């Protein structure tokens, strides 16, 4: 199992979730977050905004589904044909175990 964490533009959140659902990946946790990447924030006039709104999508998937999920997120979260700074980042980590609280069942 893998934990896929995607940090994306908030205006792309609904489209990404819809495309993931179309692809059969319905389970996700979404958190509104703020942060900055390599661009070190945004400068507007003399003001610098270094806490930029983003959406964090958390998903646990089977190893075999990794490439499909990443492809959907990459394709849908990208701004324009070439993409742009601030489109986001995807992080993938192994998950050792998962349990369903209501039933106590181990696994997804």
PDB file of N, CA and C in Angstrom:
ATOM      1  N   UNK A   1       0.843  -1.181   0.000  1.00  0.00           N
ATOM      2  CA  UNK A   1       0.000   0.000   0.000  1.00  0.00           C
ATOM      3  C   UNK A   1       0.886   1.240   0.000  1.00  0.00           C
ATOM      4  N   UNK A   2       0.338   2.291  -0.602  1.00  0.00           N
ATOM      5  CA  UNK A   2       1.078   3.545  -0.700  1.00  0.00           C
ATOM      6  C   UNK A   2       0.201   4.715  -0.265  1.00  0.00           C
ATOM      7  N   UNK A   3       0.821   5.693   0.384  1.00  0.00           N
ATOM      8  CA  UNK A   3       0.159   6.946   0.705  1.00  0.00           C
ATOM      9  C   UNK A   3       0.586   7.955  -0.352  1.00  0.00           C
ATOM     10  N   UNK A   4      -0.385   8.491  -1.079  1.00  0.00           N
ATOM     11  CA  UNK A   4      -0.105   9.503  -2.084  1.00  0.00           C
ATOM     12  C   UNK A   4      -0.630  10.829  -1.549  1.00  0.00           C
ATOM     13  N   UNK A   5       0.302  11.772  -1.377  1.00  0.00           N
ATOM     14  CA  UNK A   5      -0.040  13.127  -0.917  1.00  0.00           C
ATOM     15  C   UNK A   5       0.166  14.076  -2.080  1.00  0.00           C
ATOM     16  N   UNK A   6      -0.891  14.765  -2.456  1.00  0.00           N
ATOM     17  CA  UNK A   6      -0.818  15.707  -3.567  1.00  0.00           C
ATOM     18  C   UNK A   6      -1.134  17.100  -3.053  1.00  0.00           C
ATOM     19  N   UNK A   7      -0.232  18.024  -3.306  1.00  0.00           N
ATOM     20  CA  UNK A   7      -0.461  19.425  -2.967  1.00  0.00           C
ATOM     21  C   UNK A   7      -0.710  20.128  -4.292  1.00  0.00           C
ATOM     22  N   UNK A   8      -1.925  20.671  -4.446  1.00  0.00           N
ATOM     23  CA  UNK A   8      -2.320  21.240  -5.728  1.00  0.00           C
ATOM     24  C   UNK A   8      -2.979  22.605  -5.535  1.00  0.00           C
ATOM     25  N   UNK A   9      -3.194  23.297  -6.636  1.00  0.00           N
ATOM     26  CA  UNK A   9      -3.919  24.565  -6.597  1.00  0.00           C
ATOM     27  C   UNK A   9      -5.360  24.298  -6.151  1.00  0.00           C
ATOM     28  N   UNK A  10      -5.904  25.140  -5.264  1.00  0.00           N
ATOM     29  CA  UNK A  10      -7.254  24.895  -4.768  1.00  0.00           C
ATOM     30  C   UNK A  10      -8.316  24.904  -5.866  1.00  0.00           C
ATOM     31  N   UNK A  11      -8.109  25.669  -6.917  1.00  0.00           N
ATOM     32  CA  UNK A  11      -9.103  25.711  -7.995  1.00  0.00           C
ATOM     33  C   UNK A  11      -9.102  24.439  -8.843  1.00  0.00           C
ATOM     34  N   UNK A  12      -8.105  23.582  -8.667  1.00  0.00           N
ATOM     35  CA  UNK A  12      -8.028  22.309  -9.388  1.00  0.00           C
ATOM     36  C   UNK A  12      -8.577  21.142  -8.567  1.00  0.00           C
ATOM     37  N   UNK A  13      -8.855  21.371  -7.292  1.00  0.00           N
ATOM     38  CA  UNK A  13      -9.261  20.303  -6.372  1.00  0.00           C
ATOM     39  C   UNK A  13     -10.475  19.516  -6.875  1.00  0.00           C
ATOM     40  N   UNK A  14     -11.558  20.196  -7.223  1.00  0.00           N
ATOM     41  CA  UNK A  14     -12.775  19.502  -7.646  1.00  0.00           C
ATOM     42  C   UNK A  14     -12.558  18.688  -8.915  1.00  0.00           C
ATOM     43  N   UNK A  15     -11.816  19.243  -9.862  1.00  0.00           N
ATOM     44  CA  UNK A  15     -11.545  18.523 -11.110  1.00  0.00           C
ATOM     45  C   UNK A  15     -10.700  17.280 -10.855  1.00  0.00           C
ATOM     46  N   UNK A  16      -9.687  17.400 -10.005  1.00  0.00           N
ATOM     47  CA  UNK A  16      -8.829  16.251  -9.693  1.00  0.00           C
ATOM     48  C   UNK A  16      -9.646  15.164  -8.995  1.00  0.00           C
ATOM     49  N   UNK A  17     -10.447  15.540  -8.010  1.00  0.00           N
ATOM     50  CA  UNK A  17     -11.263  14.550  -7.302  1.00  0.00           C
ATOM     51  C   UNK A  17     -12.267  13.874  -8.232  1.00  0.00           C
ATOM     52  N   UNK A  18     -12.860  14.641  -9.145  1.00  0.00           N
ATOM     53  CA  UNK A  18     -13.814  14.069 -10.103  1.00  0.00           C
ATOM     54  C   UNK A  18     -13.129  13.071 -11.033  1.00  0.00           C
ATOM     55  N   UNK A  19     -11.947  13.419 -11.518  1.00  0.00           N
ATOM     56  CA  UNK A  19     -11.215  12.514 -12.418  1.00  0.00           C
ATOM     57  C   UNK A  19     -10.744  11.259 -11.687  1.00  0.00           C
ATOM     58  N   UNK A  20     -10.304  11.416 -10.442  1.00  0.00           N
ATOM     59  CA  UNK A  20      -9.919  10.241  -9.653  1.00  0.00           C
ATOM     60  C   UNK A  20     -11.115   9.322  -9.454  1.00  0.00           C
ATOM     61  N   UNK A  21     -12.264   9.898  -9.162  1.00  0.00           N
ATOM     62  CA  UNK A  21     -13.478   9.106  -8.966  1.00  0.00           C
ATOM     63  C   UNK A  21     -13.870   8.385 -10.250  1.00  0.00           C
ATOM     64  N   UNK A  22     -13.774   9.077 -11.395  1.00  0.00           N
ATOM     65  CA  UNK A  22     -14.065   8.450 -12.695  1.00  0.00           C
ATOM     66  C   UNK A  22     -13.154   7.261 -12.949  1.00  0.00           C
ATOM     67  N   UNK A  23     -11.916   7.369 -12.464  1.00  0.00           N
ATOM     68  CA  UNK A  23     -10.922   6.298 -12.653  1.00  0.00           C
ATOM     69  C   UNK A  23     -11.085   5.181 -11.624  1.00  0.00           C
ATOM     70  N   UNK A  24     -12.065   5.332 -10.715  1.00  0.00           N
ATOM     71  CA  UNK A  24     -12.331   4.280  -9.735  1.00  0.00           C
ATOM     72  C   UNK A  24     -11.702   4.498  -8.374  1.00  0.00           C
ATOM     73  N   UNK A  25     -11.124   5.658  -8.152  1.00  0.00           N
ATOM     74  CA  UNK A  25     -10.481   5.970  -6.879  1.00  0.00           C
ATOM     75  C   UNK A  25     -11.326   6.995  -6.140  1.00  0.00           C
ATOM     76  N   UNK A  26     -12.254   6.510  -5.320  1.00  0.00           N
ATOM     77  CA  UNK A  26     -13.224   7.372  -4.663  1.00  0.00           C
ATOM     78  C   UNK A  26     -12.755   7.869  -3.297  1.00  0.00           C
ATOM     79  N   UNK A  27     -11.928   7.095  -2.618  1.00  0.00           N
ATOM     80  CA  UNK A  27     -11.531   7.419  -1.241  1.00  0.00           C
ATOM     81  C   UNK A  27     -10.397   8.442  -1.226  1.00  0.00           C
ATOM     82  N   UNK A  28     -10.645   9.564  -0.573  1.00  0.00           N
ATOM     83  CA  UNK A  28      -9.632  10.610  -0.461  1.00  0.00           C
ATOM     84  C   UNK A  28      -9.962  11.479   0.742  1.00  0.00           C
ATOM     85  N   UNK A  29      -8.936  12.031   1.334  1.00  0.00           N
ATOM     86  CA  UNK A  29      -9.086  13.035   2.381  1.00  0.00           C
ATOM     87  C   UNK A  29      -8.537  14.325   1.812  1.00  0.00           C
ATOM     88  N   UNK A  30      -9.289  15.416   1.976  1.00  0.00           N
ATOM     89  CA  UNK A  30      -8.890  16.708   1.416  1.00  0.00           C
ATOM     90  C   UNK A  30      -8.774  17.712   2.552  1.00  0.00           C
ATOM     91  N   UNK A  31      -7.659  18.433   2.565  1.00  0.00           N
ATOM     92  CA  UNK A  31      -7.404  19.439   3.591  1.00  0.00           C
ATOM     93  C   UNK A  31      -6.978  20.732   2.896  1.00  0.00           C
ATOM     94  N   UNK A  32      -7.570  21.846   3.294  1.00  0.00           N
ATOM     95  CA  UNK A  32      -7.106  23.143   2.797  1.00  0.00           C
ATOM     96  C   UNK A  32      -5.871  23.528   3.604  1.00  0.00           C
ATOM     97  N   UNK A  33      -4.793  23.852   2.899  1.00  0.00           N
ATOM     98  CA  UNK A  33      -3.524  24.182   3.545  1.00  0.00           C
ATOM     99  C   UNK A  33      -2.961  25.466   2.944  1.00  0.00           C
ATOM    100  N   UNK A  34      -1.931  26.010   3.562  1.00  0.00           N
ATOM    101  CA  UNK A  34      -1.182  27.120   2.988  1.00  0.00           C
ATOM    102  C   UNK A  34       0.296  26.762   3.021  1.00  0.00           C
ATOM    103  N   UNK A  35       1.040  27.321   2.099  1.00  0.00           N
ATOM    104  CA  UNK A  35       2.474  27.053   2.059  1.00  0.00           C
ATOM    105  C   UNK A  35       3.095  27.738   0.870  1.00  0.00           C
ATOM    106  N   UNK A  36       4.327  27.365   0.613  1.00  0.00           N
ATOM    107  CA  UNK A  36       5.030  27.910  -0.544  1.00  0.00           C
ATOM    108  C   UNK A  36       6.014  26.868  -1.045  1.00  0.00           C
ATOM    109  N   UNK A  37       6.353  26.993  -2.303  1.00  0.00           N
ATOM    110  CA  UNK A  37       7.316  26.092  -2.915  1.00  0.00           C
ATOM    111  C   UNK A  37       8.581  26.837  -3.271  1.00  0.00           C
ATOM    112  N   UNK A  38       9.207  26.397  -4.333  1.00  0.00           N
ATOM    113  CA  UNK A  38      10.468  26.989  -4.764  1.00  0.00           C
ATOM    114  C   UNK A  38      10.341  28.461  -5.148  1.00  0.00           C
ATOM    115  N   UNK A  39       9.132  28.871  -5.511  1.00  0.00           N
ATOM    116  CA  UNK A  39       8.970  30.264  -5.940  1.00  0.00           C
ATOM    117  C   UNK A  39       9.021  31.238  -4.770  1.00  0.00           C
ATOM    118  N   UNK A  40       9.058  30.743  -3.545  1.00  0.00           N
ATOM    119  CA  UNK A  40       9.190  31.560  -2.333  1.00  0.00           C
ATOM    120  C   UNK A  40       8.048  32.546  -2.151  1.00  0.00           C
ATOM    121  N   UNK A  41       6.876  32.202  -2.613  1.00  0.00           N
ATOM    122  CA  UNK A  41       5.722  33.079  -2.457  1.00  0.00           C
ATOM    123  C   UNK A  41       5.467  33.905  -3.700  1.00  0.00           C
ATOM    124  N   UNK A  42       4.557  34.852  -3.546  1.00  0.00           N
ATOM    125  CA  UNK A  42       4.164  35.714  -4.660  1.00  0.00           C
ATOM    126  C   UNK A  42       4.358  37.160  -4.237  1.00  0.00           C
ATOM    127  N   UNK A  43       4.952  37.967  -5.133  1.00  0.00           N
ATOM    128  CA  UNK A  43       5.123  39.388  -4.852  1.00  0.00           C
ATOM    129  C   UNK A  43       4.136  40.176  -5.707  1.00  0.00           C
ATOM    130  N   UNK A  44       3.313  40.966  -5.025  1.00  0.00           N
ATOM    131  CA  UNK A  44       2.351  41.835  -5.700  1.00  0.00           C
ATOM    132  C   UNK A  44       2.646  43.249  -5.235  1.00  0.00           C
ATOM    133  N   UNK A  45       3.221  44.046  -6.118  1.00  0.00           N
ATOM    134  CA  UNK A  45       3.662  45.378  -5.722  1.00  0.00           C
ATOM    135  C   UNK A  45       4.767  45.249  -4.686  1.00  0.00           C
ATOM    136  N   UNK A  46       4.585  45.902  -3.554  1.00  0.00           N
ATOM    137  CA  UNK A  46       5.593  45.812  -2.488  1.00  0.00           C
ATOM    138  C   UNK A  46       5.270  44.708  -1.482  1.00  0.00           C
ATOM    139  N   UNK A  47       4.118  44.048  -1.653  1.00  0.00           N
ATOM    140  CA  UNK A  47       3.697  42.994  -0.719  1.00  0.00           C
ATOM    141  C   UNK A  47       4.196  41.626  -1.189  1.00  0.00           C
ATOM    142  N   UNK A  48       4.673  40.825  -0.243  1.00  0.00           N
ATOM    143  CA  UNK A  48       5.079  39.458  -0.536  1.00  0.00           C
ATOM    144  C   UNK A  48       4.161  38.521   0.241  1.00  0.00           C
ATOM    145  N   UNK A  49       3.525  37.620  -0.474  1.00  0.00           N
ATOM    146  CA  UNK A  49       2.638  36.638   0.140  1.00  0.00           C
ATOM    147  C   UNK A  49       3.360  35.295   0.114  1.00  0.00           C
ATOM    148  N   UNK A  50       3.794  34.844   1.293  1.00  0.00           N
ATOM    149  CA  UNK A  50       4.538  33.583   1.325  1.00  0.00           C
ATOM    150  C   UNK A  50       3.710  32.423   1.859  1.00  0.00           C
ATOM    151  N   UNK A  51       2.456  32.672   2.157  1.00  0.00           N
ATOM    152  CA  UNK A  51       1.541  31.598   2.534  1.00  0.00           C
ATOM    153  C   UNK A  51       0.442  31.544   1.480  1.00  0.00           C
ATOM    154  N   UNK A  52       0.640  30.680   0.506  1.00  0.00           N
ATOM    155  CA  UNK A  52      -0.251  30.583  -0.641  1.00  0.00           C
ATOM    156  C   UNK A  52      -1.242  29.445  -0.400  1.00  0.00           C
ATOM    157  N   UNK A  53      -2.539  29.670  -0.617  1.00  0.00           N
ATOM    158  CA  UNK A  53      -3.536  28.606  -0.424  1.00  0.00           C
ATOM    159  C   UNK A  53      -3.302  27.441  -1.388  1.00  0.00           C
ATOM    160  N   UNK A  54      -3.415  26.248  -0.860  1.00  0.00           N
ATOM    161  CA  UNK A  54      -3.301  25.015  -1.641  1.00  0.00           C
ATOM    162  C   UNK A  54      -4.310  24.012  -1.106  1.00  0.00           C
ATOM    163  N   UNK A  55      -4.498  22.923  -1.827  1.00  0.00           N
ATOM    164  CA  UNK A  55      -5.314  21.802  -1.356  1.00  0.00           C
ATOM    165  C   UNK A  55      -4.400  20.591  -1.228  1.00  0.00           C
ATOM    166  N   UNK A  56      -4.552  19.857  -0.144  1.00  0.00           N
ATOM    167  CA  UNK A  56      -3.790  18.631   0.086  1.00  0.00           C
ATOM    168  C   UNK A  56      -4.751  17.463  -0.039  1.00  0.00           C
ATOM    169  N   UNK A  57      -4.474  16.572  -0.985  1.00  0.00           N
ATOM    170  CA  UNK A  57      -5.286  15.376  -1.174  1.00  0.00           C
ATOM    171  C   UNK A  57      -4.467  14.181  -0.706  1.00  0.00           C
ATOM    172  N   UNK A  58      -5.030  13.434   0.238  1.00  0.00           N
ATOM    173  CA  UNK A  58      -4.379  12.240   0.782  1.00  0.00           C
ATOM    174  C   UNK A  58      -5.150  11.005   0.328  1.00  0.00           C
ATOM    175  N   UNK A  59      -4.420  10.029  -0.197  1.00  0.00           N
ATOM    176  CA  UNK A  59      -5.037   8.780  -0.651  1.00  0.00           C
ATOM    177  C   UNK A  59      -4.131   7.612  -0.307  1.00  0.00           C
ATOM    178  N   UNK A  60      -4.724   6.507   0.104  1.00  0.00           N
ATOM    179  CA  UNK A  60      -3.973   5.268   0.269  1.00  0.00           C
ATOM    180  C   UNK A  60      -4.469   4.321  -0.817  1.00  0.00           C
ATOM    181  N   UNK A  61      -3.521   3.814  -1.614  1.00  0.00           N
ATOM    182  CA  UNK A  61      -3.873   2.943  -2.740  1.00  0.00           C
ATOM    183  C   UNK A  61      -2.967   1.717  -2.742  1.00  0.00           C
ATOM    184  N   UNK A  62      -3.395   0.722  -3.473  1.00  0.00           N
ATOM    185  CA  UNK A  62      -2.561  -0.462  -3.665  1.00  0.00           C
ATOM    186  C   UNK A  62      -1.361  -0.087  -4.553  1.00  0.00           C
ATOM    187  N   UNK A  63      -0.249  -0.771  -4.362  1.00  0.00           N
ATOM    188  CA  UNK A  63       0.964  -0.489  -5.134  1.00  0.00           C
ATOM    189  C   UNK A  63       0.690  -0.502  -6.641  1.00  0.00           C
ATOM    190  N   UNK A  64      -0.132  -1.445  -7.084  1.00  0.00           N
ATOM    191  CA  UNK A  64      -0.402  -1.608  -8.517  1.00  0.00           C
ATOM    192  C   UNK A  64      -1.123  -0.401  -9.123  1.00  0.00           C
ATOM    193  N   UNK A  65      -1.772   0.419  -8.290  1.00  0.00           N
ATOM    194  CA  UNK A  65      -2.540   1.568  -8.773  1.00  0.00           C
ATOM    195  C   UNK A  65      -1.749   2.877  -8.785  1.00  0.00           C
ATOM    196  N   UNK A  66      -0.526   2.824  -8.336  1.00  0.00           N
ATOM    197  CA  UNK A  66       0.323   4.024  -8.211  1.00  0.00           C
ATOM    198  C   UNK A  66       0.371   4.856  -9.487  1.00  0.00           C
ATOM    199  N   UNK A  67       0.769   4.249 -10.596  1.00  0.00           N
ATOM    200  CA  UNK A  67       0.966   4.993 -11.838  1.00  0.00           C
ATOM    201  C   UNK A  67      -0.336   5.582 -12.354  1.00  0.00           C
ATOM    202  N   UNK A  68      -1.447   4.848 -12.228  1.00  0.00           N
ATOM    203  CA  UNK A  68      -2.743   5.362 -12.696  1.00  0.00           C
ATOM    204  C   UNK A  68      -3.162   6.596 -11.905  1.00  0.00           C
ATOM    205  N   UNK A  69      -3.016   6.534 -10.569  1.00  0.00           N
ATOM    206  CA  UNK A  69      -3.397   7.660  -9.724  1.00  0.00           C
ATOM    207  C   UNK A  69      -2.506   8.868 -10.007  1.00  0.00           C
ATOM    208  N   UNK A  70      -1.211   8.649 -10.074  1.00  0.00           N
ATOM    209  CA  UNK A  70      -0.281   9.750 -10.354  1.00  0.00           C
ATOM    210  C   UNK A  70      -0.591  10.375 -11.714  1.00  0.00           C
ATOM    211  N   UNK A  71      -0.878   9.563 -12.714  1.00  0.00           N
ATOM    212  CA  UNK A  71      -1.198  10.076 -14.044  1.00  0.00           C
ATOM    213  C   UNK A  71      -2.438  10.968 -14.007  1.00  0.00           C
ATOM    214  N   UNK A  72      -3.489  10.530 -13.321  1.00  0.00           N
ATOM    215  CA  UNK A  72      -4.721  11.330 -13.229  1.00  0.00           C
ATOM    216  C   UNK A  72      -4.434  12.666 -12.561  1.00  0.00           C
ATOM    217  N   UNK A  73      -3.708  12.638 -11.463  1.00  0.00           N
ATOM    218  CA  UNK A  73      -3.414  13.876 -10.729  1.00  0.00           C
ATOM    219  C   UNK A  73      -2.551  14.809 -11.583  1.00  0.00           C
ATOM    220  N   UNK A  74      -1.492  14.289 -12.176  1.00  0.00           N
ATOM    221  CA  UNK A  74      -0.588  15.108 -12.983  1.00  0.00           C
ATOM    222  C   UNK A  74      -1.330  15.761 -14.149  1.00  0.00           C
ATOM    223  N   UNK A  75      -2.122  14.965 -14.837  1.00  0.00           N
ATOM    224  CA  UNK A  75      -2.841  15.449 -16.015  1.00  0.00           C
ATOM    225  C   UNK A  75      -3.893  16.497 -15.652  1.00  0.00           C
ATOM    226  N   UNK A  76      -4.581  16.288 -14.538  1.00  0.00           N
ATOM    227  CA  UNK A  76      -5.707  17.150 -14.185  1.00  0.00           C
ATOM    228  C   UNK A  76      -5.277  18.392 -13.405  1.00  0.00           C
ATOM    229  N   UNK A  77      -4.228  18.292 -12.610  1.00  0.00           N
ATOM    230  CA  UNK A  77      -3.809  19.419 -11.773  1.00  0.00           C
ATOM    231  C   UNK A  77      -2.937  20.424 -12.521  1.00  0.00           C
ATOM    232  N   UNK A  78      -2.412  20.020 -13.665  1.00  0.00           N
ATOM    233  CA  UNK A  78      -1.517  20.901 -14.428  1.00  0.00           C
ATOM    234  C   UNK A  78      -2.282  22.089 -15.002  1.00  0.00           C
ATOM    235  N   UNK A  79      -1.683  23.267 -14.932  1.00  0.00           N
ATOM    236  CA  UNK A  79      -2.263  24.487 -15.486  1.00  0.00           C
ATOM    237  C   UNK A  79      -1.770  24.659 -16.917  1.00  0.00           C
ATOM    238  N   UNK A  80      -2.673  24.655 -17.859  1.00  0.00           N
ATOM    239  CA  UNK A  80      -2.288  24.824 -19.255  1.00  0.00           C
ATOM    240  C   UNK A  80      -1.557  23.604 -19.787  1.00  0.00           C
ATOM    241  N   UNK A  81      -1.086  23.711 -21.005  1.00  0.00           N
ATOM    242  CA  UNK A  81      -0.419  22.587 -21.658  1.00  0.00           C
ATOM    243  C   UNK A  81       0.959  22.279 -21.069  1.00  0.00           C
ATOM    244  N   UNK A  82       1.698  23.330 -20.711  1.00  0.00           N
ATOM    245  CA  UNK A  82       3.054  23.154 -20.206  1.00  0.00           C
ATOM    246  C   UNK A  82       3.151  23.167 -18.691  1.00  0.00           C
ATOM    247  N   UNK A  83       2.083  23.578 -18.007  1.00  0.00           N
ATOM    248  CA  UNK A  83       2.138  23.701 -16.555  1.00  0.00           C
ATOM    249  C   UNK A  83       2.771  25.021 -16.156  1.00  0.00           C
ATOM    250  N   UNK A  84       2.756  25.296 -14.851  1.00  0.00           N
ATOM    251  CA  UNK A  84       3.293  26.551 -14.343  1.00  0.00           C
ATOM    252  C   UNK A  84       3.803  26.350 -12.925  1.00  0.00           C
ATOM    253  N   UNK A  85       4.684  27.253 -12.478  1.00  0.00           N
ATOM    254  CA  UNK A  85       5.121  27.224 -11.084  1.00  0.00           C
ATOM    255  C   UNK A  85       3.893  27.280 -10.198  1.00  0.00           C
ATOM    256  N   UNK A  86       3.912  26.512  -9.145  1.00  0.00           N
ATOM    257  CA  UNK A  86       2.797  26.521  -8.210  1.00  0.00           C
ATOM    258  C   UNK A  86       1.713  25.506  -8.517  1.00  0.00           C
ATOM    259  N   UNK A  87       1.883  24.695  -9.580  1.00  0.00           N
ATOM    260  CA  UNK A  87       0.873  23.684  -9.888  1.00  0.00           C
ATOM    261  C   UNK A  87       0.823  22.592  -8.826  1.00  0.00           C
ATOM    262  N   UNK A  88       1.923  22.376  -8.127  1.00  0.00           N
ATOM    263  CA  UNK A  88       1.879  21.433  -7.018  1.00  0.00           C
ATOM    264  C   UNK A  88       2.981  20.397  -7.036  1.00  0.00           C
ATOM    265  N   UNK A  89       2.813  19.434  -6.143  1.00  0.00           N
ATOM    266  CA  UNK A  89       3.806  18.384  -5.921  1.00  0.00           C
ATOM    267  C   UNK A  89       3.065  17.126  -5.489  1.00  0.00           C
ATOM    268  N   UNK A  90       3.634  15.964  -5.810  1.00  0.00           N
ATOM    269  CA  UNK A  90       3.086  14.676  -5.380  1.00  0.00           C
ATOM    270  C   UNK A  90       4.176  13.952  -4.611  1.00  0.00           C
ATOM    271  N   UNK A  91       3.817  13.447  -3.430  1.00  0.00           N
ATOM    272  CA  UNK A  91       4.747  12.678  -2.599  1.00  0.00           C
ATOM    273  C   UNK A  91       4.151  11.296  -2.375  1.00  0.00           C
ATOM    274  N   UNK A  92       4.982  10.265  -2.493  1.00  0.00           N
ATOM    275  CA  UNK A  92       4.513   8.889  -2.319  1.00  0.00           C
ATOM    276  C   UNK A  92       5.352   8.214  -1.245  1.00  0.00           C
ATOM    277  N   UNK A  93       4.658   7.595  -0.276  1.00  0.00           N
ATOM    278  CA  UNK A  93       5.322   6.911   0.838  1.00  0.00           C
ATOM    279  C   UNK A  93       4.677   5.552   1.048  1.00  0.00           C
ATOM    280  N   UNK A  94       5.458   4.579   1.521  1.00  0.00           N
ATOM    281  CA  UNK A  94       4.870   3.278   1.831  1.00  0.00           C
ATOM    282  C   UNK A  94       3.978   3.351   3.073  1.00  0.00           C
ATOM    283  N   UNK A  95       2.947   2.521   3.084  1.00  0.00           N
ATOM    284  CA  UNK A  95       2.062   2.376   4.240  1.00  0.00           C
ATOM    285  C   UNK A  95       2.229   0.937   4.736  1.00  0.00           C
ATOM    286  N   UNK A  96       2.635   0.783   5.980  1.00  0.00           N
ATOM    287  CA  UNK A  96       2.868  -0.557   6.521  1.00  0.00           C
ATOM    288  C   UNK A  96       1.572  -1.306   6.804  1.00  0.00           C
ATOM    289  N   UNK A  97       0.612  -0.636   7.415  1.00  0.00           N
ATOM    290  CA  UNK A  97      -0.650  -1.282   7.755  1.00  0.00           C
ATOM    291  C   UNK A  97      -1.774  -0.265   7.716  1.00  0.00           C
ATOM    292  N   UNK A  98      -2.989  -0.768   7.504  1.00  0.00           N
ATOM    293  CA  UNK A  98      -4.190   0.072   7.572  1.00  0.00           C
ATOM    294  C   UNK A  98      -5.299  -0.763   8.203  1.00  0.00           C
ATOM    295  N   UNK A  99      -6.128  -0.114   9.018  1.00  0.00           N
ATOM    296  CA  UNK A  99      -7.231  -0.790   9.692  1.00  0.00           C
ATOM    297  C   UNK A  99      -8.504   0.030   9.539  1.00  0.00           C
ATOM    298  N   UNK A 100      -9.619  -0.649   9.341  1.00  0.00           N
ATOM    299  CA  UNK A 100     -10.914   0.003   9.362  1.00  0.00           C
ATOM    300  C   UNK A 100     -11.399  -0.006  10.803  1.00  0.00           C
ATOM    301  N   UNK A 101     -11.649   1.154  11.359  1.00  0.00           N
ATOM    302  CA  UNK A 101     -11.987   1.277  12.779  1.00  0.00           C
ATOM    303  C   UNK A 101     -13.279   0.559  13.119  1.00  0.00           C
ATOM    304  N   UNK A 102     -14.318   0.725  12.312  1.00  0.00           N
ATOM    305  CA  UNK A 102     -15.621   0.144  12.653  1.00  0.00           C
ATOM    306  C   UNK A 102     -15.613  -1.379  12.708  1.00  0.00           C
ATOM    307  N   UNK A 103     -14.873  -2.016  11.800  1.00  0.00           N
ATOM    308  CA  UNK A 103     -14.873  -3.481  11.750  1.00  0.00           C
ATOM    309  C   UNK A 103     -13.594  -4.111  12.310  1.00  0.00           C
ATOM    310  N   UNK A 104     -12.550  -3.306  12.424  1.00  0.00           N
ATOM    311  CA  UNK A 104     -11.271  -3.847  12.860  1.00  0.00           C
ATOM    312  C   UNK A 104     -10.530  -4.583  11.756  1.00  0.00           C
ATOM    313  N   UNK A 105     -11.047  -4.507  10.534  1.00  0.00           N
ATOM    314  CA  UNK A 105     -10.459  -5.217   9.398  1.00  0.00           C
ATOM    315  C   UNK A 105      -9.124  -4.573   9.025  1.00  0.00           C
ATOM    316  N   UNK A 106      -8.145  -5.451   8.744  1.00  0.00           N
ATOM    317  CA  UNK A 106      -6.832  -4.983   8.322  1.00  0.00           C
ATOM    318  C   UNK A 106      -6.800  -4.886   6.789  1.00  0.00           C
ATOM    319  N   UNK A 107      -6.161  -3.832   6.266  1.00  0.00           N
ATOM    320  CA  UNK A 107      -6.035  -3.633   4.811  1.00  0.00           C
ATOM    321  C   UNK A 107      -6.996  -2.586   4.321  1.00  0.00           C
ATOM    322  N   UNK A 108      -6.948  -2.339   3.016  1.00  0.00           N
ATOM    323  CA  UNK A 108      -7.842  -1.343   2.426  1.00  0.00           C
ATOM    324  C   UNK A 108      -9.225  -1.924   2.337  1.00  0.00           C
TER     325      UNK A 108
END
